[in-house]
Amino acid sequence: AGTLDEWGSRVAERAGADPLVKTPGAFAHTTL
């Protein structure tokens, strides 16, 4: 159980932090 931000932080552990967006739970990603 966790919020969207907490899930995003978990994804960031594998994907890395987002260099462009600094909001809570942001992670480096590519959109569909």
Full PDB file with SEQRES, HELIX, SHEET, SSBOND, CRYST1, ORIGX, SCALE, CONECT and MASTER records, all heavy atoms in Angstrom:
SEQRES   1 A   32  ALA GLY THR LEU ASP GLU TRP GLY SER ARG VAL ALA GLU          
SEQRES   2 A   32  ARG ALA GLY ALA ASP PRO LEU VAL LYS THR PRO GLY ALA          
SEQRES   3 A   32  PHE ALA HIS THR THR LEU                                      
HELIX    1 AA1 LEU A    4  ALA A   15  1                                  12    
CRYST1    1.000    1.000    1.000  90.00  90.00  90.00 P 1           1          
ORIGX1      1.000000  0.000000  0.000000        0.00000                         
ORIGX2      0.000000  1.000000  0.000000        0.00000                         
ORIGX3      0.000000  0.000000  1.000000        0.00000                         
SCALE1      1.000000  0.000000  0.000000        0.00000                         
SCALE2      0.000000  1.000000  0.000000        0.00000                         
SCALE3      0.000000  0.000000  1.000000        0.00000                         
ATOM      1  N   ALA A   1       0.854  -1.184   0.000  1.00  0.00           N  
ATOM      2  CA  ALA A   1       0.000   0.000   0.000  1.00  0.00           C  
ATOM      3  C   ALA A   1       0.889   1.232   0.000  1.00  0.00           C  
ATOM      4  O   ALA A   1       1.855   1.316   0.766  1.00  0.00           O  
ATOM      5  CB  ALA A   1      -0.919   0.006   1.211  1.00  0.00           C  
ATOM      6  N   GLY A   2       0.591   2.164  -0.881  1.00  0.00           N  
ATOM      7  CA  GLY A   2       1.388   3.380  -0.959  1.00  0.00           C  
ATOM      8  C   GLY A   2       0.743   4.374  -1.904  1.00  0.00           C  
ATOM      9  O   GLY A   2      -0.071   4.012  -2.761  1.00  0.00           O  
ATOM     10  N   THR A   3       1.117   5.637  -1.748  1.00  0.00           N  
ATOM     11  CA  THR A   3       0.578   6.683  -2.605  1.00  0.00           C  
ATOM     12  C   THR A   3       1.266   6.648  -3.972  1.00  0.00           C  
ATOM     13  O   THR A   3       2.264   5.950  -4.176  1.00  0.00           O  
ATOM     14  CB  THR A   3       0.790   8.058  -1.970  1.00  0.00           C  
ATOM     15  OG1 THR A   3       2.203   8.315  -1.899  1.00  0.00           O  
ATOM     16  CG2 THR A   3       0.186   8.106  -0.573  1.00  0.00           C  
ATOM     17  N   LEU A   4       0.727   7.435  -4.892  1.00  0.00           N  
ATOM     18  CA  LEU A   4       1.326   7.531  -6.219  1.00  0.00           C  
ATOM     19  C   LEU A   4       2.761   8.032  -6.131  1.00  0.00           C  
ATOM     20  O   LEU A   4       3.643   7.555  -6.859  1.00  0.00           O  
ATOM     21  CB  LEU A   4       0.483   8.466  -7.091  1.00  0.00           C  
ATOM     22  CG  LEU A   4       0.959   8.663  -8.532  1.00  0.00           C  
ATOM     23  CD1 LEU A   4       0.931   7.348  -9.306  1.00  0.00           C  
ATOM     24  CD2 LEU A   4       0.089   9.708  -9.238  1.00  0.00           C  
ATOM     25  N   ASP A   5       3.015   8.994  -5.214  1.00  0.00           N  
ATOM     26  CA  ASP A   5       4.372   9.506  -5.051  1.00  0.00           C  
ATOM     27  C   ASP A   5       5.313   8.429  -4.516  1.00  0.00           C  
ATOM     28  O   ASP A   5       6.469   8.318  -4.961  1.00  0.00           O  
ATOM     29  CB  ASP A   5       4.367  10.706  -4.101  1.00  0.00           C  
ATOM     30  CG  ASP A   5       3.675  11.918  -4.711  1.00  0.00           C  
ATOM     31  OD1 ASP A   5       3.508  11.942  -5.944  1.00  0.00           O  
ATOM     32  OD2 ASP A   5       3.297  12.830  -3.945  1.00  0.00           O  
ATOM     33  N   GLU A   6       4.831   7.633  -3.578  1.00  0.00           N  
ATOM     34  CA  GLU A   6       5.667   6.574  -3.019  1.00  0.00           C  
ATOM     35  C   GLU A   6       5.952   5.503  -4.062  1.00  0.00           C  
ATOM     36  O   GLU A   6       7.067   4.981  -4.132  1.00  0.00           O  
ATOM     37  CB  GLU A   6       4.976   5.966  -1.791  1.00  0.00           C  
ATOM     38  CG  GLU A   6       4.918   6.928  -0.616  1.00  0.00           C  
ATOM     39  CD  GLU A   6       4.006   6.437   0.492  1.00  0.00           C  
ATOM     40  OE1 GLU A   6       3.110   5.606   0.200  1.00  0.00           O  
ATOM     41  OE2 GLU A   6       4.179   6.875   1.645  1.00  0.00           O  
ATOM     42  N   TRP A   7       4.957   5.191  -4.874  1.00  0.00           N  
ATOM     43  CA  TRP A   7       5.185   4.253  -5.985  1.00  0.00           C  
ATOM     44  C   TRP A   7       6.205   4.823  -6.962  1.00  0.00           C  
ATOM     45  O   TRP A   7       7.111   4.125  -7.431  1.00  0.00           O  
ATOM     46  CB  TRP A   7       3.861   3.965  -6.684  1.00  0.00           C  
ATOM     47  CG  TRP A   7       3.982   3.204  -7.968  1.00  0.00           C  
ATOM     48  CD1 TRP A   7       4.203   1.864  -8.117  1.00  0.00           C  
ATOM     49  CD2 TRP A   7       3.883   3.736  -9.299  1.00  0.00           C  
ATOM     50  NE1 TRP A   7       4.241   1.517  -9.453  1.00  0.00           N  
ATOM     51  CE2 TRP A   7       4.051   2.663 -10.198  1.00  0.00           C  
ATOM     52  CE3 TRP A   7       3.677   5.013  -9.815  1.00  0.00           C  
ATOM     53  CZ2 TRP A   7       4.013   2.828 -11.587  1.00  0.00           C  
ATOM     54  CZ3 TRP A   7       3.629   5.186 -11.191  1.00  0.00           C  
ATOM     55  CH2 TRP A   7       3.805   4.095 -12.057  1.00  0.00           C  
ATOM     56  N   GLY A   8       6.080   6.118  -7.266  1.00  0.00           N  
ATOM     57  CA  GLY A   8       7.035   6.751  -8.169  1.00  0.00           C  
ATOM     58  C   GLY A   8       8.450   6.711  -7.630  1.00  0.00           C  
ATOM     59  O   GLY A   8       9.407   6.502  -8.381  1.00  0.00           O  
ATOM     60  N   SER A   9       8.592   6.903  -6.325  1.00  0.00           N  
ATOM     61  CA  SER A   9       9.926   6.824  -5.718  1.00  0.00           C  
ATOM     62  C   SER A   9      10.489   5.415  -5.834  1.00  0.00           C  
ATOM     63  O   SER A   9      11.702   5.237  -6.038  1.00  0.00           O  
ATOM     64  CB  SER A   9       9.857   7.242  -4.249  1.00  0.00           C  
ATOM     65  OG  SER A   9       9.428   8.587  -4.131  1.00  0.00           O  
ATOM     66  N   ARG A  10       9.629   4.427  -5.725  1.00  0.00           N  
ATOM     67  CA  ARG A  10      10.062   3.034  -5.884  1.00  0.00           C  
ATOM     68  C   ARG A  10      10.520   2.785  -7.326  1.00  0.00           C  
ATOM     69  O   ARG A  10      11.551   2.136  -7.551  1.00  0.00           O  
ATOM     70  CB  ARG A  10       8.912   2.105  -5.515  1.00  0.00           C  
ATOM     71  CG  ARG A  10       9.145   0.635  -5.803  1.00  0.00           C  
ATOM     72  CD  ARG A  10      10.307   0.073  -5.024  1.00  0.00           C  
ATOM     73  NE  ARG A  10      10.387  -1.371  -5.182  1.00  0.00           N  
ATOM     74  CZ  ARG A  10      11.493  -2.084  -5.026  1.00  0.00           C  
ATOM     75  NH1 ARG A  10      12.629  -1.473  -4.708  1.00  0.00           N  
ATOM     76  NH2 ARG A  10      11.482  -3.388  -5.169  1.00  0.00           N  
ATOM     77  N   VAL A  11       9.790   3.309  -8.291  1.00  0.00           N  
ATOM     78  CA  VAL A  11      10.202   3.169  -9.690  1.00  0.00           C  
ATOM     79  C   VAL A  11      11.535   3.869  -9.912  1.00  0.00           C  
ATOM     80  O   VAL A  11      12.409   3.368 -10.640  1.00  0.00           O  
ATOM     81  CB  VAL A  11       9.122   3.736 -10.640  1.00  0.00           C  
ATOM     82  CG1 VAL A  11       9.600   3.668 -12.088  1.00  0.00           C  
ATOM     83  CG2 VAL A  11       7.809   2.966 -10.491  1.00  0.00           C  
ATOM     84  N   ALA A  12      11.727   5.029  -9.280  1.00  0.00           N  
ATOM     85  CA  ALA A  12      12.969   5.800  -9.447  1.00  0.00           C  
ATOM     86  C   ALA A  12      14.185   5.031  -8.950  1.00  0.00           C  
ATOM     87  O   ALA A  12      15.307   5.282  -9.417  1.00  0.00           O  
ATOM     88  CB  ALA A  12      12.855   7.140  -8.725  1.00  0.00           C  
ATOM     89  N   GLU A  13      13.989   4.114  -8.026  1.00  0.00           N  
ATOM     90  CA  GLU A  13      15.114   3.301  -7.564  1.00  0.00           C  
ATOM     91  C   GLU A  13      15.708   2.477  -8.699  1.00  0.00           C  
ATOM     92  O   GLU A  13      16.911   2.183  -8.692  1.00  0.00           O  
ATOM     93  CB  GLU A  13      14.651   2.376  -6.430  1.00  0.00           C  
ATOM     94  CG  GLU A  13      14.261   3.097  -5.153  1.00  0.00           C  
ATOM     95  CD  GLU A  13      13.731   2.142  -4.093  1.00  0.00           C  
ATOM     96  OE1 GLU A  13      13.842   0.897  -4.316  1.00  0.00           O  
ATOM     97  OE2 GLU A  13      13.208   2.598  -3.061  1.00  0.00           O  
ATOM     98  N   ARG A  14      14.886   2.080  -9.645  1.00  0.00           N  
ATOM     99  CA  ARG A  14      15.366   1.313 -10.799  1.00  0.00           C  
ATOM    100  C   ARG A  14      15.579   2.180 -12.032  1.00  0.00           C  
ATOM    101  O   ARG A  14      16.490   1.932 -12.821  1.00  0.00           O  
ATOM    102  CB  ARG A  14      14.364   0.198 -11.128  1.00  0.00           C  
ATOM    103  CG  ARG A  14      14.164  -0.821 -10.025  1.00  0.00           C  
ATOM    104  CD  ARG A  14      15.440  -1.605  -9.755  1.00  0.00           C  
ATOM    105  NE  ARG A  14      15.881  -2.350 -10.905  1.00  0.00           N  
ATOM    106  CZ  ARG A  14      15.575  -3.635 -11.128  1.00  0.00           C  
ATOM    107  NH1 ARG A  14      14.828  -4.291 -10.255  1.00  0.00           N  
ATOM    108  NH2 ARG A  14      16.023  -4.273 -12.201  1.00  0.00           N  
ATOM    109  N   ALA A  15      14.731   3.180 -12.206  1.00  0.00           N  
ATOM    110  CA  ALA A  15      14.778   3.988 -13.428  1.00  0.00           C  
ATOM    111  C   ALA A  15      15.670   5.212 -13.297  1.00  0.00           C  
ATOM    112  O   ALA A  15      16.133   5.751 -14.304  1.00  0.00           O  
ATOM    113  CB  ALA A  15      13.371   4.424 -13.821  1.00  0.00           C  
ATOM    114  N   GLY A  16      15.886   5.689 -12.074  1.00  0.00           N  
ATOM    115  CA  GLY A  16      16.639   6.915 -11.870  1.00  0.00           C  
ATOM    116  C   GLY A  16      15.717   8.111 -11.723  1.00  0.00           C  
ATOM    117  O   GLY A  16      14.541   8.062 -12.114  1.00  0.00           O  
ATOM    118  N   ALA A  17      16.246   9.178 -11.164  1.00  0.00           N  
ATOM    119  CA  ALA A  17      15.460  10.396 -10.959  1.00  0.00           C  
ATOM    120  C   ALA A  17      15.231  11.103 -12.285  1.00  0.00           C  
ATOM    121  O   ALA A  17      16.025  10.996 -13.222  1.00  0.00           O  
ATOM    122  CB  ALA A  17      16.175  11.326  -9.985  1.00  0.00           C  
ATOM    123  N   ASP A  18      14.139  11.841 -12.356  1.00  0.00           N  
ATOM    124  CA  ASP A  18      13.817  12.604 -13.560  1.00  0.00           C  
ATOM    125  C   ASP A  18      14.650  13.884 -13.570  1.00  0.00           C  
ATOM    126  O   ASP A  18      14.530  14.709 -12.661  1.00  0.00           O  
ATOM    127  CB  ASP A  18      12.327  12.937 -13.579  1.00  0.00           C  
ATOM    128  CG  ASP A  18      11.873  13.446 -14.936  1.00  0.00           C  
ATOM    129  OD1 ASP A  18      12.666  14.130 -15.615  1.00  0.00           O  
ATOM    130  OD2 ASP A  18      10.728  13.159 -15.328  1.00  0.00           O  
ATOM    131  N   PRO A  19      15.504  14.085 -14.592  1.00  0.00           N  
ATOM    132  CA  PRO A  19      16.351  15.285 -14.607  1.00  0.00           C  
ATOM    133  C   PRO A  19      15.584  16.553 -14.968  1.00  0.00           C  
ATOM    134  O   PRO A  19      16.097  17.650 -14.760  1.00  0.00           O  
ATOM    135  CB  PRO A  19      17.398  14.956 -15.681  1.00  0.00           C  
ATOM    136  CG  PRO A  19      16.699  14.002 -16.598  1.00  0.00           C  
ATOM    137  CD  PRO A  19      15.778  13.196 -15.742  1.00  0.00           C  
ATOM    138  N   LEU A  20      14.371  16.422 -15.487  1.00  0.00           N  
ATOM    139  CA  LEU A  20      13.618  17.591 -15.936  1.00  0.00           C  
ATOM    140  C   LEU A  20      12.511  17.992 -14.980  1.00  0.00           C  
ATOM    141  O   LEU A  20      12.156  19.158 -14.895  1.00  0.00           O  
ATOM    142  CB  LEU A  20      13.013  17.315 -17.319  1.00  0.00           C  
ATOM    143  CG  LEU A  20      14.004  16.993 -18.445  1.00  0.00           C  
ATOM    144  CD1 LEU A  20      13.254  16.698 -19.732  1.00  0.00           C  
ATOM    145  CD2 LEU A  20      14.967  18.149 -18.653  1.00  0.00           C  
ATOM    146  N   VAL A  21      11.932  17.017 -14.280  1.00  0.00           N  
ATOM    147  CA  VAL A  21      10.795  17.284 -13.395  1.00  0.00           C  
ATOM    148  C   VAL A  21      11.206  16.946 -11.969  1.00  0.00           C  
ATOM    149  O   VAL A  21      11.691  15.852 -11.700  1.00  0.00           O  
ATOM    150  CB  VAL A  21       9.563  16.464 -13.817  1.00  0.00           C  
ATOM    151  CG1 VAL A  21       8.387  16.756 -12.883  1.00  0.00           C  
ATOM    152  CG2 VAL A  21       9.189  16.768 -15.264  1.00  0.00           C  
ATOM    153  N   LYS A  22      10.998  17.876 -11.066  1.00  0.00           N  
ATOM    154  CA  LYS A  22      11.440  17.681  -9.684  1.00  0.00           C  
ATOM    155  C   LYS A  22      10.276  17.492  -8.714  1.00  0.00           C  
ATOM    156  O   LYS A  22      10.461  17.570  -7.512  1.00  0.00           O  
ATOM    157  CB  LYS A  22      12.259  18.898  -9.244  1.00  0.00           C  
ATOM    158  CG  LYS A  22      13.492  19.143 -10.103  1.00  0.00           C  
ATOM    159  CD  LYS A  22      14.433  17.931 -10.140  1.00  0.00           C  
ATOM    160  CE  LYS A  22      15.657  18.195 -10.998  1.00  0.00           C  
ATOM    161  NZ  LYS A  22      16.537  16.996 -11.068  1.00  0.00           N  
ATOM    162  N   THR A  23       9.089  17.218  -9.215  1.00  0.00           N  
ATOM    163  CA  THR A  23       7.951  17.010  -8.328  1.00  0.00           C  
ATOM    164  C   THR A  23       8.105  15.694  -7.579  1.00  0.00           C  
ATOM    165  O   THR A  23       8.823  14.783  -8.032  1.00  0.00           O  
ATOM    166  CB  THR A  23       6.647  16.990  -9.136  1.00  0.00           C  
ATOM    167  OG1 THR A  23       6.732  15.978 -10.147  1.00  0.00           O  
ATOM    168  CG2 THR A  23       6.378  18.330  -9.787  1.00  0.00           C  
ATOM    169  N   PRO A  24       7.440  15.541  -6.423  1.00  0.00           N  
ATOM    170  CA  PRO A  24       7.548  14.294  -5.660  1.00  0.00           C  
ATOM    171  C   PRO A  24       7.101  13.092  -6.493  1.00  0.00           C  
ATOM    172  O   PRO A  24       6.111  13.155  -7.222  1.00  0.00           O  
ATOM    173  CB  PRO A  24       6.603  14.531  -4.475  1.00  0.00           C  
ATOM    174  CG  PRO A  24       6.528  16.004  -4.336  1.00  0.00           C  
ATOM    175  CD  PRO A  24       6.629  16.556  -5.720  1.00  0.00           C  
ATOM    176  N   GLY A  25       7.859  12.019  -6.379  1.00  0.00           N  
ATOM    177  CA  GLY A  25       7.518  10.790  -7.082  1.00  0.00           C  
ATOM    178  C   GLY A  25       7.906  10.764  -8.542  1.00  0.00           C  
ATOM    179  O   GLY A  25       7.606   9.793  -9.248  1.00  0.00           O  
ATOM    180  N   ALA A  26       8.588  11.787  -9.045  1.00  0.00           N  
ATOM    181  CA  ALA A  26       8.984  11.812 -10.455  1.00  0.00           C  
ATOM    182  C   ALA A  26      10.139  10.843 -10.685  1.00  0.00           C  
ATOM    183  O   ALA A  26      10.976  10.623  -9.814  1.00  0.00           O  
ATOM    184  CB  ALA A  26       9.397  13.226 -10.856  1.00  0.00           C  
ATOM    185  N   PHE A  27      10.166  10.257 -11.867  1.00  0.00           N  
ATOM    186  CA  PHE A  27      11.248   9.338 -12.232  1.00  0.00           C  
ATOM    187  C   PHE A  27      11.528   9.472 -13.715  1.00  0.00           C  
ATOM    188  O   PHE A  27      10.671   9.915 -14.499  1.00  0.00           O  
ATOM    189  CB  PHE A  27      10.887   7.888 -11.880  1.00  0.00           C  
ATOM    190  CG  PHE A  27       9.565   7.433 -12.429  1.00  0.00           C  
ATOM    191  CD1 PHE A  27       9.454   6.876 -13.697  1.00  0.00           C  
ATOM    192  CD2 PHE A  27       8.404   7.551 -11.661  1.00  0.00           C  
ATOM    193  CE1 PHE A  27       8.236   6.453 -14.199  1.00  0.00           C  
ATOM    194  CE2 PHE A  27       7.172   7.127 -12.148  1.00  0.00           C  
ATOM    195  CZ  PHE A  27       7.093   6.578 -13.422  1.00  0.00           C  
ATOM    196  N   ALA A  28      12.741   9.131 -14.114  1.00  0.00           N  
ATOM    197  CA  ALA A  28      13.116   9.208 -15.526  1.00  0.00           C  
ATOM    198  C   ALA A  28      12.281   8.206 -16.312  1.00  0.00           C  
ATOM    199  O   ALA A  28      12.203   7.032 -15.944  1.00  0.00           O  
ATOM    200  CB  ALA A  28      14.602   8.908 -15.690  1.00  0.00           C  
ATOM    201  N   HIS A  29      11.670   8.676 -17.393  1.00  0.00           N  
ATOM    202  CA  HIS A  29      10.789   7.769 -18.122  1.00  0.00           C  
ATOM    203  C   HIS A  29      10.605   8.217 -19.568  1.00  0.00           C  
ATOM    204  O   HIS A  29      10.903   9.361 -19.931  1.00  0.00           O  
ATOM    205  CB  HIS A  29       9.418   7.690 -17.449  1.00  0.00           C  
ATOM    206  CG  HIS A  29       8.634   8.966 -17.545  1.00  0.00           C  
ATOM    207  ND1 HIS A  29       8.751   9.982 -16.620  1.00  0.00           N  
ATOM    208  CD2 HIS A  29       7.719   9.393 -18.464  1.00  0.00           C  
ATOM    209  CE1 HIS A  29       7.943  10.970 -16.955  1.00  0.00           C  
ATOM    210  NE2 HIS A  29       7.324  10.648 -18.074  1.00  0.00           N  
ATOM    211  N   THR A  30      10.093   7.310 -20.349  1.00  0.00           N  
ATOM    212  CA  THR A  30       9.679   7.575 -21.721  1.00  0.00           C  
ATOM    213  C   THR A  30       8.193   7.295 -21.821  1.00  0.00           C  
ATOM    214  O   THR A  30       7.710   6.274 -21.322  1.00  0.00           O  
ATOM    215  CB  THR A  30      10.432   6.673 -22.711  1.00  0.00           C  
ATOM    216  OG1 THR A  30      11.834   6.933 -22.617  1.00  0.00           O  
ATOM    217  CG2 THR A  30       9.972   6.921 -24.137  1.00  0.00           C  
ATOM    218  N   THR A  31       7.437   8.201 -22.450  1.00  0.00           N  
ATOM    219  CA  THR A  31       6.000   8.003 -22.601  1.00  0.00           C  
ATOM    220  C   THR A  31       5.727   7.018 -23.730  1.00  0.00           C  
ATOM    221  O   THR A  31       6.582   6.744 -24.580  1.00  0.00           O  
ATOM    222  CB  THR A  31       5.298   9.322 -22.917  1.00  0.00           C  
ATOM    223  OG1 THR A  31       5.742   9.786 -24.202  1.00  0.00           O  
ATOM    224  CG2 THR A  31       5.599  10.372 -21.856  1.00  0.00           C  
ATOM    225  N   LEU A  32       4.510   6.516 -23.747  1.00  0.00           N  
ATOM    226  CA  LEU A  32       4.118   5.563 -24.793  1.00  0.00           C  
ATOM    227  C   LEU A  32       4.207   6.187 -26.175  1.00  0.00           C  
ATOM    228  O   LEU A  32       4.728   5.576 -27.119  1.00  0.00           O  
ATOM    229  CB  LEU A  32       2.696   5.062 -24.529  1.00  0.00           C  
ATOM    230  CG  LEU A  32       2.096   4.167 -25.624  1.00  0.00           C  
ATOM    231  CD1 LEU A  32       2.872   2.869 -25.752  1.00  0.00           C  
ATOM    232  CD2 LEU A  32       0.622   3.875 -25.328  1.00  0.00           C  
TER     233      LEU A  32                                                      
MASTER        0    0    0    1    0    0    0    6  232    1    0    3          
END                                                                             
